[in-house]
């Protein structure tokens, strides 16, 4: 039986809210029940019938291998990955290629959830799985996304281009301003984002309909990968319905 140990206050709340994982038990460290947020978390766990065990900081570290647990660790089932076949009908897909840093992956997923990109493709090479550290870096946002990790980046593109997707790669050396692509509002968009040390793969860049960049006015050479991704996701996000509700 596969088990993961998620840690941190926000991930714990979002795992409960998403309701997609089995939560087998919770471990609370010293003082973990103090404060309104932790009291609320305790109430939600109790309402869900999750046993809560006291644990010292050494035990919490042994469970999650991190000091950033905020005195809360959940023992859960594995992340519920989707498949490309289940996501390919979307009008917006985000593909991460060569994003090697778990912190950047988590931060990008947080932006994806906030800006209306609920379906994400992770290359199964060159991008880390959704480890607990990635979930923590996403502030739990990954729990609300549909994420596939069943193909290479090139294979995702190969499968999606015949379905009418416009392929856009975020590339610091791209000639097109990302805002111009945003104005065109392509009906079906596959946005590919690469990492800081290894950018989007050349094979994908060669096939891209648009190689877009984020204009800069300062003197620093480049943006952090997750910051650049957040800007692109915001600019290219789907229109918000008139009611103000997030897109389905």
Protein backbone atom coordinates (compact mmCIF):
# COMPACT_ATOMS: atom_id res chain seq x y z
CA UNK A 1 0.00 0.00 0.00
CA UNK A 2 1.66 3.20 -1.20
CA UNK A 3 1.91 5.91 1.43
CA UNK A 4 2.99 9.54 1.32
CA UNK A 5 3.58 11.99 4.14
CA UNK A 6 2.36 15.46 3.23
CA UNK A 7 3.42 18.30 5.46
CA UNK A 8 2.46 21.88 6.20
CA UNK A 9 -0.74 23.67 7.16
CA UNK A 10 -1.88 24.74 3.68
CA UNK A 11 -1.34 21.35 2.05
CA UNK A 12 -3.24 19.69 4.89
CA UNK A 13 -6.23 21.97 4.37
CA UNK A 14 -6.20 21.52 0.60
CA UNK A 15 -5.94 17.72 0.76
CA UNK A 16 -9.05 17.75 2.91
CA UNK A 17 -10.90 20.22 0.68
CA UNK A 18 -10.04 18.41 -2.53
CA UNK A 19 -11.15 15.08 -1.08
CA UNK A 20 -9.25 13.03 -3.65
CA UNK A 21 -6.82 11.20 -1.38
CA UNK A 22 -7.32 8.79 1.45
CA UNK A 23 -6.01 10.35 4.68
CA UNK A 24 -5.01 7.56 7.00
CA UNK A 25 -3.84 9.56 10.00
CA UNK A 26 -2.48 12.91 11.06
CA UNK A 27 0.51 13.72 13.25
CA UNK A 28 0.54 16.95 15.23
CA UNK A 29 3.65 18.30 16.87
CA UNK A 30 3.97 20.39 20.02
CA UNK A 31 1.59 23.34 19.96
CA UNK A 32 0.03 22.16 16.70
CA UNK A 33 -3.48 22.67 18.07
CA UNK A 34 -2.86 26.30 19.05
CA UNK A 35 -4.12 29.08 16.83
CA UNK A 36 -7.35 29.39 14.89
CA UNK A 37 -6.12 27.71 11.70
CA UNK A 38 -4.80 24.69 13.51
CA UNK A 39 -7.97 24.43 15.56
CA UNK A 40 -9.97 24.52 12.32
CA UNK A 41 -7.75 21.84 10.82
CA UNK A 42 -8.28 19.68 13.89
CA UNK A 43 -12.06 20.07 13.52
CA UNK A 44 -11.96 19.11 9.83
CA UNK A 45 -9.80 16.07 10.48
CA UNK A 46 -12.05 14.92 13.30
CA UNK A 47 -15.14 15.44 11.15
CA UNK A 48 -13.51 13.29 8.45
CA UNK A 49 -12.77 10.57 10.99
CA UNK A 50 -8.99 10.91 10.67
CA UNK A 51 -7.05 9.77 13.76
CA UNK A 52 -4.71 12.46 15.14
CA UNK A 53 -1.51 11.31 16.80
CA UNK A 54 0.81 13.48 18.93
CA UNK A 55 4.40 13.53 17.73
CA UNK A 56 7.59 15.31 18.67
CA UNK A 57 9.68 17.21 16.14
CA UNK A 58 12.06 14.29 15.62
CA UNK A 59 9.16 12.02 14.72
CA UNK A 60 7.72 14.61 12.33
CA UNK A 61 11.08 15.02 10.61
CA UNK A 62 11.50 11.25 10.31
CA UNK A 63 8.10 11.05 8.63
CA UNK A 64 8.47 13.84 6.08
CA UNK A 65 12.26 14.42 5.94
CA UNK A 66 11.76 18.17 6.19
CA UNK A 67 11.90 20.81 8.90
CA UNK A 68 9.16 22.82 7.13
CA UNK A 69 6.31 20.69 8.44
CA UNK A 70 4.77 23.45 10.61
CA UNK A 71 4.01 20.73 13.18
CA UNK A 72 1.54 18.98 10.87
CA UNK A 73 2.10 15.80 8.83
CA UNK A 74 -0.61 13.78 7.10
CA UNK A 75 -0.20 10.15 6.12
CA UNK A 76 -2.07 9.80 2.83
CA UNK A 77 -2.45 7.70 -0.26
CA UNK A 78 -0.57 8.63 -3.45
CA UNK A 79 -1.34 11.61 -5.66
CA UNK A 80 -4.24 10.81 -8.04
CA UNK A 81 -2.63 11.40 -11.42
CA UNK A 82 -4.74 11.86 -14.52
CA UNK A 83 -3.79 10.68 -18.03
CA UNK A 84 -3.32 12.67 -21.20
CA UNK A 85 -6.32 10.91 -22.73
CA UNK A 86 -8.54 12.31 -19.98
CA UNK A 87 -7.25 15.88 -20.41
CA UNK A 88 -6.92 16.38 -24.15
CA UNK A 89 -10.40 17.88 -24.57
CA UNK A 90 -9.35 20.95 -22.56
CA UNK A 91 -9.00 24.33 -24.25
CA UNK A 92 -5.92 25.23 -22.21
CA UNK A 93 -3.12 22.83 -21.29
CA UNK A 94 0.11 23.66 -19.49
CA UNK A 95 3.16 21.47 -20.17
CA UNK A 96 6.27 21.60 -17.99
CA UNK A 97 9.46 20.54 -19.76
CA UNK A 98 12.87 20.44 -18.05
CA UNK A 99 11.65 22.21 -14.91
CA UNK A 100 13.93 20.33 -12.54
CA UNK A 101 13.55 22.31 -9.30
CA UNK A 102 10.68 21.00 -7.12
CA UNK A 103 10.17 24.49 -5.66
CA UNK A 104 9.66 25.95 -9.13
CA UNK A 105 7.30 23.15 -10.10
CA UNK A 106 5.21 23.76 -6.99
CA UNK A 107 5.14 27.52 -7.50
CA UNK A 108 4.08 27.11 -11.14
CA UNK A 109 1.28 24.75 -10.15
CA UNK A 110 0.09 27.30 -7.60
CA UNK A 111 -0.11 29.94 -10.34
CA UNK A 112 -1.81 27.48 -12.68
CA UNK A 113 -4.57 26.85 -10.15
CA UNK A 114 -5.05 30.54 -9.40
CA UNK A 115 -5.11 31.70 -13.02
CA UNK A 116 -7.49 29.11 -14.44
CA UNK A 117 -5.24 26.39 -15.86
CA UNK A 118 -6.61 23.32 -14.04
CA UNK A 119 -5.09 20.74 -16.41
CA UNK A 120 -1.33 20.27 -16.38
CA UNK A 121 1.07 17.91 -18.13
CA UNK A 122 4.38 17.00 -16.49
CA UNK A 123 7.05 15.42 -18.64
CA UNK A 124 7.95 12.05 -17.14
CA UNK A 125 11.62 12.85 -17.69
CA UNK A 126 13.33 16.01 -16.51
CA UNK A 127 10.48 17.10 -14.20
CA UNK A 128 10.03 15.75 -10.65
CA UNK A 129 6.86 13.87 -9.69
CA UNK A 130 4.45 15.51 -7.28
CA UNK A 131 6.49 14.72 -4.21
CA UNK A 132 5.28 16.11 -0.86
CA UNK A 133 7.89 18.87 -1.26
CA UNK A 134 6.21 19.92 -4.53
CA UNK A 135 2.78 19.87 -2.89
CA UNK A 136 4.16 22.04 -0.09
CA UNK A 137 5.70 24.50 -2.57
CA UNK A 138 2.33 24.73 -4.33
CA UNK A 139 0.65 25.59 -0.98
CA UNK A 140 -1.58 22.57 -1.64
CA UNK A 141 -2.88 23.97 -4.96
CA UNK A 142 -1.75 20.84 -6.81
CA UNK A 143 -4.47 18.90 -4.98
CA UNK A 144 -7.09 20.79 -7.02
CA UNK A 145 -5.44 20.26 -10.40
CA UNK A 146 -5.70 17.42 -12.88
CA UNK A 147 -2.09 16.49 -13.54
CA UNK A 148 -0.80 13.88 -15.98
CA UNK A 149 2.70 12.46 -15.95
CA UNK A 150 2.48 9.60 -18.41
CA UNK A 151 4.58 10.74 -21.40
CA UNK A 152 7.67 12.62 -22.41
CA UNK A 153 7.29 16.28 -23.35
CA UNK A 154 7.82 15.44 -27.03
CA UNK A 155 5.20 12.70 -26.91
CA UNK A 156 2.63 15.05 -25.37
CA UNK A 157 3.19 17.51 -28.21
CA UNK A 158 3.08 14.77 -30.83
CA UNK A 159 -0.31 13.61 -29.52
CA UNK A 160 -1.84 17.08 -29.15
CA UNK A 161 -0.84 18.93 -32.31
CA UNK A 162 -3.15 16.85 -34.55
CA UNK A 163 -6.04 17.84 -32.25
CA UNK A 164 -5.79 21.49 -33.26
CA UNK A 165 -3.79 22.92 -30.37
CA UNK A 166 -1.79 26.07 -30.90
CA UNK A 167 1.67 25.32 -29.52
CA UNK A 168 3.32 28.21 -27.66
CA UNK A 169 6.70 27.93 -25.95
CA UNK A 170 7.86 30.44 -23.37
CA UNK A 171 11.38 31.23 -24.53
CA UNK A 172 13.61 34.07 -23.34
CA UNK A 173 14.99 34.28 -26.88
CA UNK A 174 11.58 34.16 -28.53
CA UNK A 175 10.75 37.01 -30.89
CA UNK A 176 7.06 37.36 -30.06
CA UNK A 177 5.74 39.36 -27.12
CA UNK A 178 3.52 37.09 -25.03
CA UNK A 179 0.95 39.89 -24.90
CA UNK A 180 0.44 39.66 -28.67
CA UNK A 181 -0.44 36.00 -28.37
CA UNK A 182 -2.81 36.86 -25.52
CA UNK A 183 -4.63 39.29 -27.82
CA UNK A 184 -5.19 36.53 -30.40
CA UNK A 185 -6.92 34.29 -27.84
CA UNK A 186 -6.27 30.94 -29.60
CA UNK A 187 -9.17 28.58 -29.08
CA UNK A 188 -7.00 25.64 -28.00
CA UNK A 189 -3.63 26.45 -26.46
CA UNK A 190 -0.79 24.24 -25.31
CA UNK A 191 1.68 26.40 -23.37
CA UNK A 192 5.11 24.89 -22.73
CA UNK A 193 7.36 26.23 -19.97
CA UNK A 194 10.95 25.15 -19.42
CA UNK A 195 13.35 25.42 -16.52
CA UNK A 196 16.08 27.87 -15.63
CA UNK A 197 19.03 25.63 -16.41
CA UNK A 198 17.45 23.65 -19.24
CA UNK A 199 14.85 25.51 -21.26
CA UNK A 200 12.10 24.07 -23.45
CA UNK A 201 13.57 21.30 -25.59
CA UNK A 202 14.74 22.20 -29.08
CA UNK A 203 12.42 19.70 -30.76
CA UNK A 204 9.42 21.46 -29.23
CA UNK A 205 10.80 24.91 -30.02
CA UNK A 206 11.16 23.86 -33.65
CA UNK A 207 7.49 22.86 -33.80
CA UNK A 208 6.09 25.81 -31.84
CA UNK A 209 3.63 28.08 -33.62
CA UNK A 210 4.71 30.84 -31.24
CA UNK A 211 7.96 31.31 -29.32
CA UNK A 212 6.98 33.99 -26.86
CA UNK A 213 8.97 36.07 -24.40
CA UNK A 214 8.11 38.38 -21.53
CA UNK A 215 9.40 41.91 -22.25
CA UNK A 216 11.90 43.22 -19.71
CA UNK A 217 13.08 46.73 -18.93
CA UNK A 218 15.61 46.07 -16.21
CA UNK A 219 19.22 44.96 -16.30
CA UNK A 220 18.90 41.49 -14.80
CA UNK A 221 19.38 38.80 -17.44
CA UNK A 222 16.25 36.73 -16.81
CA UNK A 223 13.27 36.02 -14.60
CA UNK A 224 12.96 33.12 -12.18
CA UNK A 225 11.17 30.27 -13.98
CA UNK A 226 8.15 30.29 -11.69
CA UNK A 227 7.77 34.08 -11.89
CA UNK A 228 7.94 33.99 -15.70
CA UNK A 229 5.42 31.15 -15.73
CA UNK A 230 3.05 33.06 -13.44
CA UNK A 231 3.12 36.10 -15.71
CA UNK A 232 2.48 34.00 -18.82
CA UNK A 233 -0.34 32.06 -17.17
CA UNK A 234 -1.98 35.29 -16.08
CA UNK A 235 -1.71 36.92 -19.50
CA UNK A 236 -2.90 33.85 -21.38
CA UNK A 237 -5.55 32.71 -18.94
CA UNK A 238 -9.08 31.98 -20.15
CA UNK A 239 -11.59 34.85 -19.90
CA UNK A 240 -13.33 34.99 -16.52
CA UNK A 241 -17.11 34.41 -16.87
CA UNK A 242 -19.32 37.45 -16.33
CA UNK A 243 -20.47 36.07 -13.00
CA UNK A 244 -16.90 36.29 -11.73
CA UNK A 245 -16.85 32.57 -11.06
CA UNK A 246 -13.71 30.66 -12.09
CA UNK A 247 -13.90 28.68 -15.33
CA UNK A 248 -15.01 25.07 -15.10
